[in-house]
């Protein structure tokens, strides 16, 4: 008997592989941009390429929106009752993010205390109220707390803000008219916050890269809406029901290149409009996600790609510690002298070392913290089938998709 489309699982190996590959590229970019400033010397082209890695965060946001939209739709079909859908969503998201993030707060505070004795630091100045704001996951709205307690923690604050409103947005955006209305409202919201926030109601201003008005949620929210559009318009390609034609791939490549050029001009390349750079990064990511569906499956499922993608959230949390270790080695006189003539090689080896160390840390915390929490959530909700294979598949496709 042929199954109806609505009875089929809303995930597929092809879709999972493409998104894992996207997460892998994103986390590598993030590690590169944070490692590059600590290299003794690097050619200009390498610094430029590494700086573009900061937009791996926006890549995570797009992927997160795609998977959240699909998972809420899946739960809505499976559970029916809105209350059950909301309960599942919020419990899973909190259990996914909070335990590891709270450990990061403690861990980075401890590292900062230790570095104090050698006149180093890994955190920026903050007080106890900033820690409290991070515990509540509202730190992305406060300049002193947004990125001071956990390095890179601003993106977690943005993610949690999106989680708070995601179910309502998904239910509205399931209809094309609703998605259009949400897109227009998001654009108006972002522009209003830009004008009354960064510009303080003045005639003109610029959002500065890596400062509060770049980090805060209104500048990043359009990335998630672009992820909604990707799922809405390209769902069949993502889940493997259809394949992009060669002409469609050429058009996507051209559009993605145009978005990348606009990103370079607006963001780290020329710095003309950092306020809209996240949106261009999201558009380039949208093209990339679809093009990845045409990459041979055996390449997307390469062990390194799968593992880095699966543990990308843990790697993101751990990578500043890994870079701290690599920094200590790079600053040795012998390495410093060698780097003068072999800067690219030293950077490449440092990237491999930092990524490997972060991955090892992520595997440890996944085994000790994330996986036990995920099991507890499944048992507490009591909704998932008992088949271990289906539980594992869903945990990768739905519960384990957030990369930041």
Protein backbone atom coordinates (compact mmCIF):
# COMPACT_ATOMS: atom_id res chain seq x y z
CA UNK A 1 0.00 0.00 0.00
CA UNK A 2 1.39 3.39 -1.00
CA UNK A 3 1.80 5.80 1.89
CA UNK A 4 0.23 9.18 1.71
CA UNK A 5 2.68 12.09 1.59
CA UNK A 6 1.51 13.42 4.95
CA UNK A 7 2.26 10.02 6.53
CA UNK A 8 5.88 10.04 5.41
CA UNK A 9 8.60 11.26 7.78
CA UNK A 10 9.51 14.88 7.20
CA UNK A 11 13.22 14.16 7.13
CA UNK A 12 15.45 12.31 4.72
CA UNK A 13 19.13 11.36 4.54
CA UNK A 14 19.70 13.80 1.67
CA UNK A 15 18.28 16.71 3.60
CA UNK A 16 20.17 15.82 6.78
CA UNK A 17 23.41 15.45 4.85
CA UNK A 18 23.07 18.82 3.12
CA UNK A 19 22.31 20.62 6.37
CA UNK A 20 25.14 18.88 8.20
CA UNK A 21 27.50 19.97 5.43
CA UNK A 22 26.25 23.53 5.84
CA UNK A 23 26.83 23.41 9.60
CA UNK A 24 30.33 22.05 9.02
CA UNK A 25 31.22 24.91 6.68
CA UNK A 26 29.70 27.39 9.13
CA UNK A 27 31.62 26.20 12.18
CA UNK A 28 34.89 26.07 10.21
CA UNK A 29 34.31 29.68 9.16
CA UNK A 30 33.64 30.76 12.75
CA UNK A 31 36.81 29.07 13.99
CA UNK A 32 38.83 30.72 11.20
CA UNK A 33 37.66 34.25 11.96
CA UNK A 34 38.42 33.90 15.67
CA UNK A 35 41.77 32.21 15.10
CA UNK A 36 43.12 34.60 12.44
CA UNK A 37 43.87 37.58 14.74
CA UNK A 38 46.27 35.43 16.77
CA UNK A 39 48.41 34.39 13.83
CA UNK A 40 51.82 36.07 13.78
CA UNK A 41 51.61 36.98 10.13
CA UNK A 42 49.25 36.11 7.29
CA UNK A 43 48.85 37.24 3.68
CA UNK A 44 46.07 39.74 3.00
CA UNK A 45 44.01 37.27 1.00
CA UNK A 46 44.03 34.79 3.89
CA UNK A 47 42.94 37.43 6.40
CA UNK A 48 40.15 38.50 4.05
CA UNK A 49 38.93 34.93 3.63
CA UNK A 50 39.12 34.25 7.36
CA UNK A 51 37.18 37.42 8.18
CA UNK A 52 34.32 36.25 5.95
CA UNK A 53 34.07 33.25 8.26
CA UNK A 54 32.15 35.37 10.75
CA UNK A 55 29.07 34.92 8.56
CA UNK A 56 29.03 31.27 9.49
CA UNK A 57 26.78 32.42 12.33
CA UNK A 58 24.16 33.63 9.85
CA UNK A 59 24.49 30.28 8.09
CA UNK A 60 23.60 28.62 11.39
CA UNK A 61 20.59 30.92 11.73
CA UNK A 62 19.23 29.97 8.30
CA UNK A 63 19.69 26.25 8.97
CA UNK A 64 18.06 26.64 12.37
CA UNK A 65 15.01 28.31 10.82
CA UNK A 66 14.69 25.54 8.22
CA UNK A 67 14.82 22.77 10.80
CA UNK A 68 12.57 24.55 13.30
CA UNK A 69 9.91 25.14 10.63
CA UNK A 70 10.05 21.49 9.53
CA UNK A 71 10.05 20.10 13.08
CA UNK A 72 7.08 22.21 14.20
CA UNK A 73 5.17 21.17 11.09
CA UNK A 74 6.06 17.56 11.80
CA UNK A 75 4.88 17.79 15.43
CA UNK A 76 1.71 19.58 14.37
CA UNK A 77 0.85 16.67 12.05
CA UNK A 78 1.90 14.03 14.58
CA UNK A 79 0.39 15.49 17.74
CA UNK A 80 -2.39 17.71 16.48
CA UNK A 81 -2.97 19.64 19.71
CA UNK A 82 -1.27 23.03 19.73
CA UNK A 83 -0.50 22.76 23.44
CA UNK A 84 1.44 19.53 22.88
CA UNK A 85 3.34 21.04 19.96
CA UNK A 86 4.36 24.05 22.04
CA UNK A 87 5.34 21.93 25.01
CA UNK A 88 7.51 19.67 22.88
CA UNK A 89 9.15 22.58 21.15
CA UNK A 90 10.09 24.66 24.18
CA UNK A 91 11.18 21.73 26.34
CA UNK A 92 13.42 20.37 23.58
CA UNK A 93 14.99 23.75 22.79
CA UNK A 94 15.73 24.59 26.41
CA UNK A 95 17.13 21.12 27.09
CA UNK A 96 19.23 21.38 23.94
CA UNK A 97 20.81 24.77 24.65
CA UNK A 98 20.68 25.54 28.38
CA UNK A 99 22.79 22.78 29.99
CA UNK A 100 25.82 23.28 27.77
CA UNK A 101 25.50 27.07 27.83
CA UNK A 102 25.35 27.15 31.61
CA UNK A 103 28.45 24.98 31.70
CA UNK A 104 30.09 27.47 29.33
CA UNK A 105 29.29 30.32 31.72
CA UNK A 106 31.01 28.48 34.54
CA UNK A 107 33.87 27.28 32.36
CA UNK A 108 34.78 30.60 30.79
CA UNK A 109 34.50 32.37 34.14
CA UNK A 110 36.94 29.85 35.60
CA UNK A 111 39.33 30.29 32.69
CA UNK A 112 39.15 34.07 33.08
CA UNK A 113 40.01 33.74 36.75
CA UNK A 114 43.05 31.60 35.92
CA UNK A 115 44.23 33.92 33.14
CA UNK A 116 44.07 36.86 35.53
CA UNK A 117 47.27 35.66 37.18
CA UNK A 118 49.19 35.79 33.88
CA UNK A 119 47.64 39.11 32.81
CA UNK A 120 45.49 37.55 30.12
CA UNK A 121 41.76 37.43 29.52
CA UNK A 122 39.11 35.68 27.47
CA UNK A 123 36.04 37.60 28.67
CA UNK A 124 35.28 41.31 28.41
CA UNK A 125 34.35 43.35 31.53
CA UNK A 126 30.96 42.52 33.02
CA UNK A 127 29.26 42.16 36.40
CA UNK A 128 26.93 39.72 38.11
CA UNK A 129 23.84 41.24 36.50
CA UNK A 130 25.27 40.40 33.07
CA UNK A 131 25.70 36.79 34.15
CA UNK A 132 22.08 36.75 35.32
CA UNK A 133 20.94 38.10 31.94
CA UNK A 134 22.86 35.29 30.23
CA UNK A 135 21.24 32.71 32.50
CA UNK A 136 17.84 34.04 31.42
CA UNK A 137 18.96 34.10 27.74
CA UNK A 138 17.96 37.74 27.28
CA UNK A 139 21.53 39.03 27.14
CA UNK A 140 21.39 39.81 23.42
CA UNK A 141 19.31 42.90 24.25
CA UNK A 142 21.83 44.42 26.70
CA UNK A 143 25.14 45.93 25.50
CA UNK A 144 27.14 44.96 28.59
CA UNK A 145 25.93 41.35 28.56
CA UNK A 146 25.60 40.45 24.90
CA UNK A 147 29.08 38.99 24.34
CA UNK A 148 30.94 39.44 27.59
CA UNK A 149 30.15 36.38 29.72
CA UNK A 150 30.53 33.63 27.10
CA UNK A 151 32.67 34.51 24.05
CA UNK A 152 30.39 34.31 21.02
CA UNK A 153 27.39 34.05 23.33
CA UNK A 154 25.54 36.81 21.49
CA UNK A 155 24.45 34.28 18.87
CA UNK A 156 22.91 32.05 21.56
CA UNK A 157 20.91 35.05 22.78
CA UNK A 158 19.68 35.69 19.25
CA UNK A 159 18.77 32.01 18.80
CA UNK A 160 16.81 31.94 22.05
CA UNK A 161 14.90 35.07 21.09
CA UNK A 162 13.97 33.37 17.83
CA UNK A 163 12.90 30.23 19.70
CA UNK A 164 10.60 32.31 21.86
CA UNK A 165 8.62 33.56 18.86
CA UNK A 166 9.26 30.71 16.40
CA UNK A 167 6.06 28.66 16.97
CA UNK A 168 3.83 31.69 16.42
CA UNK A 169 5.80 32.64 13.31
CA UNK A 170 5.62 29.12 11.91
CA UNK A 171 1.86 28.86 12.37
CA UNK A 172 1.42 32.19 10.60
CA UNK A 173 3.93 31.41 7.85
CA UNK A 174 2.43 28.07 6.87
CA UNK A 175 0.32 30.07 4.42
CA UNK A 176 2.12 32.07 1.73
CA UNK A 177 0.18 35.21 2.62
CA UNK A 178 1.28 34.86 6.24
CA UNK A 179 4.92 34.41 5.24
CA UNK A 180 4.77 37.56 3.12
CA UNK A 181 3.21 39.52 5.98
CA UNK A 182 5.82 38.24 8.46
CA UNK A 183 8.62 39.13 6.03
CA UNK A 184 7.36 42.68 5.64
CA UNK A 185 6.81 43.06 9.39
CA UNK A 186 10.33 41.76 10.08
CA UNK A 187 11.87 44.20 7.61
CA UNK A 188 9.92 47.08 9.17
CA UNK A 189 10.92 45.97 12.66
CA UNK A 190 14.61 45.75 11.73
CA UNK A 191 14.62 49.14 10.01
CA UNK A 192 12.77 50.77 12.91
CA UNK A 193 15.22 49.33 15.44
CA UNK A 194 18.10 50.47 13.25
CA UNK A 195 16.75 54.01 13.04
CA UNK A 196 15.70 54.43 16.67
CA UNK A 197 18.47 52.26 18.09
CA UNK A 198 21.75 52.54 16.21
CA UNK A 199 20.87 55.92 14.72
CA UNK A 200 19.13 57.24 17.85
CA UNK A 201 16.56 58.92 15.64
CA UNK A 202 19.22 60.85 13.72
CA UNK A 203 19.36 61.42 9.96
CA UNK A 204 22.08 58.87 9.17
CA UNK A 205 24.35 56.37 10.85
CA UNK A 206 26.22 53.13 10.30
CA UNK A 207 26.02 49.87 12.19
CA UNK A 208 29.57 48.96 13.20
CA UNK A 209 30.72 45.38 12.79
CA UNK A 210 30.99 43.30 15.97
CA UNK A 211 29.41 45.94 18.18
CA UNK A 212 26.10 45.82 19.99
CA UNK A 213 23.84 47.12 17.22
CA UNK A 214 25.27 44.50 14.89
CA UNK A 215 24.85 41.69 17.40
CA UNK A 216 21.37 42.47 18.67
CA UNK A 217 18.38 40.43 17.46
CA UNK A 218 16.68 42.97 15.13
CA UNK A 219 19.68 42.95 12.77
CA UNK A 220 19.78 39.15 12.73
CA UNK A 221 16.07 38.26 12.65
CA UNK A 222 15.77 38.54 8.82
CA UNK A 223 18.16 35.57 8.54
CA UNK A 224 15.58 33.30 10.13
CA UNK A 225 12.80 34.54 7.86
CA UNK A 226 14.98 33.76 4.85
CA UNK A 227 15.30 30.24 6.27
CA UNK A 228 11.50 30.06 6.34
CA UNK A 229 11.38 31.03 2.67
CA UNK A 230 13.90 28.32 1.82
CA UNK A 231 11.76 25.67 3.50
CA UNK A 232 8.57 27.04 1.97
CA UNK A 233 9.84 27.25 -1.62
CA UNK A 234 12.40 24.46 -1.73
CA UNK A 235 11.11 21.82 0.67
CA UNK A 236 10.93 19.10 -2.00
CA UNK A 237 14.55 19.68 -2.99
CA UNK A 238 15.76 19.66 0.60
CA UNK A 239 14.01 16.41 1.48
CA UNK A 240 15.10 14.75 -1.76
CA UNK A 241 11.70 14.42 -3.45
CA UNK A 242 12.93 16.49 -6.38
CA UNK A 243 16.31 17.35 -7.85
CA UNK A 244 17.47 20.73 -9.07
CA UNK A 245 18.01 20.98 -12.80
CA UNK A 246 21.32 22.15 -14.21
CA UNK A 247 19.71 25.44 -15.23
CA UNK A 248 18.34 25.96 -11.72
CA UNK A 249 21.78 25.25 -10.26
CA UNK A 250 23.34 27.81 -12.59
CA UNK A 251 20.80 30.41 -11.53
CA UNK A 252 21.30 29.61 -7.87
CA UNK A 253 25.06 29.84 -8.27
CA UNK A 254 24.71 33.23 -9.96
CA UNK A 255 22.32 34.49 -7.30
CA UNK A 256 24.53 33.16 -4.52
CA UNK A 257 27.58 34.83 -6.05
CA UNK A 258 25.70 38.13 -6.30
CA UNK A 259 24.69 37.84 -2.64
CA UNK A 260 28.29 37.01 -1.71
CA UNK A 261 29.63 40.06 -3.57
CA UNK A 262 27.00 42.24 -1.86
CA UNK A 263 28.04 40.69 1.46
CA UNK A 264 31.69 41.47 0.80
CA UNK A 265 30.90 45.09 -0.06
CA UNK A 266 28.48 45.58 2.83
CA UNK A 267 30.42 43.69 5.47
CA UNK A 268 33.97 42.68 6.24
CA UNK A 269 35.28 43.45 2.76
CA UNK A 270 34.42 47.12 2.37
CA UNK A 271 32.36 47.79 5.47
CA UNK A 272 29.74 49.88 3.68
CA UNK A 273 26.62 48.60 5.45
CA UNK A 274 27.16 46.14 8.28
CA UNK A 275 23.51 46.47 9.26
CA UNK A 276 22.36 44.59 6.14
CA UNK A 277 25.36 42.27 5.89
CA UNK A 278 23.59 39.50 7.88
CA UNK A 279 20.74 39.50 5.36
CA UNK A 280 23.14 39.15 2.43
CA UNK A 281 24.91 36.35 4.30
CA UNK A 282 21.57 34.59 4.76
CA UNK A 283 20.74 34.92 1.07
CA UNK A 284 24.10 33.44 0.12
CA UNK A 285 23.46 30.62 2.60
CA UNK A 286 20.06 29.92 1.05
CA UNK A 287 21.68 29.38 -2.33
CA UNK A 288 24.41 27.25 -0.77
CA UNK A 289 21.94 24.96 1.04
CA UNK A 290 20.13 24.18 -2.20
CA UNK A 291 23.32 23.69 -4.21
CA UNK A 292 24.54 21.24 -1.58
CA UNK A 293 21.60 18.98 -2.42
CA UNK A 294 23.31 18.32 -5.79
CA UNK A 295 26.63 17.34 -4.24
CA UNK A 296 27.17 13.54 -4.42
CA UNK A 297 25.75 11.91 -1.33
CA UNK A 298 28.96 10.03 -0.53
CA UNK A 299 30.80 13.35 -0.21
CA UNK A 300 28.16 14.91 2.02
CA UNK A 301 28.26 11.83 4.24
CA UNK A 302 32.03 11.85 4.64
CA UNK A 303 32.77 11.07 8.31
CA UNK A 304 34.43 14.41 9.05
CA UNK A 305 31.54 16.36 7.54
CA UNK A 306 28.93 14.38 9.44
CA UNK A 307 30.72 14.59 12.78
CA UNK A 308 31.53 18.29 12.60
CA UNK A 309 27.97 19.06 11.54
CA UNK A 310 26.38 16.87 14.19
CA UNK A 311 28.44 18.37 17.03
CA UNK A 312 28.61 21.92 15.67
CA UNK A 313 26.88 23.48 18.68
CA UNK A 314 29.36 21.94 21.09
CA UNK A 315 32.25 22.86 18.81
CA UNK A 316 31.02 26.45 18.76
CA UNK A 317 30.96 26.58 22.56
CA UNK A 318 34.38 24.91 22.89
CA UNK A 319 36.30 26.58 20.07
CA UNK A 320 37.44 29.61 22.08
CA UNK A 321 39.12 27.28 24.57
CA UNK A 322 40.74 25.40 21.68
CA UNK A 323 41.99 28.66 20.16
CA UNK A 324 43.42 29.66 23.54
CA UNK A 325 45.54 26.49 23.52
CA UNK A 326 46.64 27.06 19.92
CA UNK A 327 47.54 30.67 20.74
CA UNK A 328 49.94 29.47 23.42
CA UNK A 329 51.74 27.28 20.87
CA UNK A 330 51.80 29.86 18.08
CA UNK A 331 53.44 32.39 20.38
CA UNK A 332 56.45 30.13 20.98
CA UNK A 333 59.62 31.60 19.46
CA UNK A 334 60.28 28.57 17.25
CA UNK A 335 56.79 28.66 15.77
CA UNK A 336 56.96 32.44 15.41
CA UNK A 337 60.16 32.21 13.40
CA UNK A 338 58.80 29.41 11.23
CA UNK A 339 55.58 31.36 10.55
CA UNK A 340 57.49 34.26 9.06
CA UNK A 341 58.10 32.19 5.91
CA UNK A 342 55.27 29.66 6.17
CA UNK A 343 52.25 31.67 7.33
CA UNK A 344 49.66 29.74 5.31
CA UNK A 345 50.94 26.38 6.52
CA UNK A 346 50.96 27.51 10.14
CA UNK A 347 47.41 28.82 9.79
CA UNK A 348 46.23 25.57 8.21
CA UNK A 349 47.82 23.43 10.93
CA UNK A 350 46.41 25.76 13.60
CA UNK A 351 42.93 25.43 12.08
CA UNK A 352 43.16 21.65 12.13
CA UNK A 353 44.43 21.67 15.72
CA UNK A 354 41.77 24.10 16.97
CA UNK A 355 38.97 22.26 15.19
CA UNK A 356 40.15 18.89 16.51
CA UNK A 357 40.43 20.15 20.10
CA UNK A 358 36.99 21.76 19.93
CA UNK A 359 35.53 18.58 18.48
CA UNK A 360 37.01 16.47 21.27
CA UNK A 361 35.54 18.83 23.85
CA UNK A 362 32.18 18.74 22.08
CA UNK A 363 32.14 14.92 22.07
CA UNK A 364 32.85 14.86 25.81
CA UNK A 365 30.07 17.30 26.71
CA UNK A 366 27.71 15.61 24.27
CA UNK A 367 28.21 12.28 26.02
CA UNK A 368 28.10 13.68 29.56
CA UNK A 369 25.55 16.48 29.23
CA UNK A 370 23.64 16.79 25.96
CA UNK A 371 22.77 13.15 25.31
CA UNK A 372 21.57 12.44 28.88
CA UNK A 373 19.42 15.58 28.72
CA UNK A 374 17.99 14.50 25.35
CA UNK A 375 17.13 11.06 26.73
CA UNK A 376 15.47 12.59 29.76
CA UNK A 377 13.40 14.88 27.55
CA UNK A 378 12.22 11.99 25.37
CA UNK A 379 11.25 9.98 28.41
CA UNK A 380 9.52 12.92 30.06
CA UNK A 381 7.55 13.89 26.98
CA UNK A 382 6.73 10.25 26.30
CA UNK A 383 5.85 10.99 22.70
CA UNK A 384 8.58 9.49 20.59
CA UNK A 385 8.30 5.93 19.24
CA UNK A 386 10.32 3.28 21.06
CA UNK A 387 12.25 2.27 17.95
CA UNK A 388 15.87 3.33 18.68
CA UNK A 389 16.66 3.85 14.98
CA UNK A 390 13.79 6.32 14.57
CA UNK A 391 14.75 8.10 17.79
CA UNK A 392 18.34 8.50 16.58
CA UNK A 393 17.18 9.75 13.17
CA UNK A 394 14.86 12.30 14.69
CA UNK A 395 17.43 13.45 17.24
CA UNK A 396 19.78 14.33 14.36
CA UNK A 397 17.14 15.86 12.13
CA UNK A 398 15.11 17.76 14.72
CA UNK A 399 16.67 17.90 18.17
CA UNK A 400 20.30 18.24 17.13
CA UNK A 401 20.13 20.80 14.37
CA UNK A 402 20.95 24.05 16.11
CA UNK A 403 24.53 24.96 15.38
CA UNK A 404 25.11 27.91 17.65
